[in-house]
Amino acid sequence: MFETLFPLLLILLAFYAWHSALRSRELARAISQRLCSEARVQLLDQTVALQRVGFARGRDGRLHLRRRYRFELSTDGADRHQGNLELLDGELLSHSLPLPDTMPLPPTPGPAPMPYGSNVLPLRRH
């Protein structure tokens, strides 16, 4: 009895692992696209690549898969930089977008007018 169910269980386990990996990769691609659009850079090739898989404890104290993905981005369409992100059970743990220092920052709203007699000076970005 067990000899006939064992191959079926292995096939189902392999399918579950494959489906989980695909779902996680699509989530990582969507997150990297969002991060790049917020930073006003271009996600190149519209894809992410799995770099590392490991185990880490989640908020519930149990072990979960921790996946690290890398992707490439461009600031002006002619250069290539590598970014990465880490997911733990579908949740973004960390990310890195190595942007050059010469790239202009997105505009920030100006400081609110100071009340009369205030000794606080607003700091300005250069």
Protein backbone atom coordinates (compact mmCIF):
# COMPACT_ATOMS: atom_id res chain seq x y z
CA MET A 1 0.00 0.00 0.00
CA PHE A 2 2.72 2.48 1.00
CA GLU A 3 4.81 1.51 -2.05
CA THR A 4 2.06 2.72 -4.38
CA LEU A 5 1.35 6.00 -2.54
CA PHE A 6 4.99 7.00 -2.02
CA PRO A 7 5.68 7.99 -5.68
CA LEU A 8 2.43 9.95 -5.79
CA LEU A 9 3.35 11.82 -2.60
CA LEU A 10 6.78 12.64 -4.04
CA ILE A 11 5.22 14.00 -7.22
CA LEU A 12 2.77 16.13 -5.23
CA LEU A 13 5.56 17.45 -3.02
CA ALA A 14 7.68 18.35 -6.06
CA PHE A 15 4.71 20.11 -7.66
CA TYR A 16 4.07 22.09 -4.47
CA ALA A 17 7.73 23.17 -4.26
CA TRP A 18 7.76 24.20 -7.93
CA HIS A 19 4.50 26.15 -7.60
CA SER A 20 5.74 27.91 -4.45
CA ALA A 21 8.97 28.91 -6.20
CA LEU A 22 7.05 30.33 -9.19
CA ARG A 23 4.68 32.27 -6.95
CA SER A 24 7.57 33.70 -4.95
CA ARG A 25 9.46 34.72 -8.08
CA GLU A 26 6.41 36.54 -9.47
CA LEU A 27 5.97 38.33 -6.15
CA ALA A 28 9.66 39.34 -6.20
CA ARG A 29 9.28 40.65 -9.76
CA ALA A 30 6.25 42.73 -8.79
CA ILE A 31 8.01 44.13 -5.72
CA SER A 32 11.16 44.97 -7.69
CA GLN A 33 9.03 46.72 -10.33
CA ARG A 34 7.34 48.78 -7.61
CA LEU A 35 10.67 49.65 -5.95
CA CYS A 36 12.18 50.74 -9.27
CA SER A 37 9.19 52.87 -10.20
CA GLU A 38 9.25 54.57 -6.78
CA ALA A 39 12.98 55.31 -7.24
CA ARG A 40 12.32 56.51 -10.81
CA VAL A 41 14.65 54.00 -12.40
CA GLN A 42 14.02 51.33 -15.02
CA LEU A 43 13.84 47.63 -14.18
CA LEU A 44 15.82 45.94 -16.95
CA ASP A 45 14.64 42.73 -18.62
CA GLN A 46 11.50 42.74 -16.42
CA THR A 47 12.84 39.74 -14.51
CA VAL A 48 14.47 38.69 -11.25
CA ALA A 49 16.92 35.84 -10.62
CA LEU A 50 17.05 33.66 -7.53
CA GLN A 51 20.40 34.18 -5.85
CA ARG A 52 20.15 32.36 -2.53
CA VAL A 53 17.70 30.18 -0.59
CA GLY A 54 17.89 29.50 3.11
CA PHE A 55 15.85 29.15 6.25
CA ALA A 56 15.01 31.85 8.77
CA ARG A 57 12.56 32.19 11.62
CA GLY A 58 9.47 34.23 10.97
CA ARG A 59 7.39 36.31 13.35
CA ASP A 60 5.60 33.18 14.46
CA GLY A 61 8.89 31.56 15.54
CA ARG A 62 8.74 28.82 12.90
CA LEU A 63 11.22 28.20 10.10
CA HIS A 64 10.32 29.63 6.69
CA LEU A 65 12.12 29.84 3.38
CA ARG A 66 14.15 32.98 2.94
CA ARG A 67 14.82 33.81 -0.70
CA ARG A 68 17.18 36.42 -2.08
CA TYR A 69 16.62 37.70 -5.61
CA ARG A 70 18.74 39.99 -7.73
CA PHE A 71 17.68 42.18 -10.62
CA GLU A 72 19.21 44.79 -12.86
CA LEU A 73 18.17 48.40 -13.14
CA SER A 74 19.16 51.43 -15.15
CA THR A 75 19.09 55.10 -14.25
CA ASP A 76 19.29 56.48 -17.80
CA GLY A 77 18.83 53.50 -20.12
CA ALA A 78 22.54 53.16 -20.90
CA ASP A 79 23.95 51.86 -17.62
CA ARG A 80 23.34 48.69 -15.60
CA HIS A 81 23.29 48.32 -11.84
CA GLN A 82 22.37 45.33 -9.70
CA GLY A 83 19.74 45.52 -7.01
CA ASN A 84 18.51 42.81 -4.68
CA LEU A 85 15.68 42.00 -2.36
CA GLU A 86 14.99 39.37 0.28
CA LEU A 87 11.65 37.71 0.91
CA LEU A 88 10.63 35.65 3.91
CA ASP A 89 7.46 33.72 3.28
CA GLY A 90 6.17 36.33 0.83
CA GLU A 91 7.11 39.35 2.96
CA LEU A 92 9.77 41.86 1.94
CA LEU A 93 12.61 41.80 4.49
CA SER A 94 15.15 44.08 2.82
CA HIS A 95 16.10 45.57 -0.50
CA SER A 96 19.00 47.39 -2.06
CA LEU A 97 18.96 49.77 -5.00
CA PRO A 98 22.51 50.96 -5.66
CA LEU A 99 21.81 54.36 -7.13
CA PRO A 100 24.70 56.63 -8.14
CA ASP A 101 25.27 59.82 -6.16
CA THR A 102 24.91 61.97 -9.26
CA MET A 103 21.27 60.98 -9.79
CA PRO A 104 18.88 63.79 -8.87
CA LEU A 105 16.56 63.14 -5.96
CA PRO A 106 12.82 63.33 -6.48
CA PRO A 107 11.38 66.75 -5.65
CA THR A 108 10.25 67.22 -2.07
CA PRO A 109 7.62 69.67 -0.96
CA GLY A 110 8.97 72.94 0.35
CA PRO A 111 9.05 73.71 4.06
CA ALA A 112 5.95 75.04 5.72
CA PRO A 113 6.04 78.75 6.53
CA MET A 114 7.50 79.43 9.96
CA PRO A 115 5.42 81.30 12.49
CA TYR A 116 6.58 84.78 13.42
CA GLY A 117 9.31 84.72 16.05
CA SER A 118 10.38 81.10 15.51
CA ASN A 119 14.07 80.32 15.90
CA VAL A 120 13.90 77.09 13.88
CA LEU A 121 15.56 77.24 10.47
CA PRO A 122 14.48 74.80 7.76
CA LEU A 123 17.19 72.57 6.30
CA ARG A 124 17.43 72.48 2.55
CA ARG A 125 18.60 69.59 0.37
CA HIS A 126 21.46 70.25 -1.99
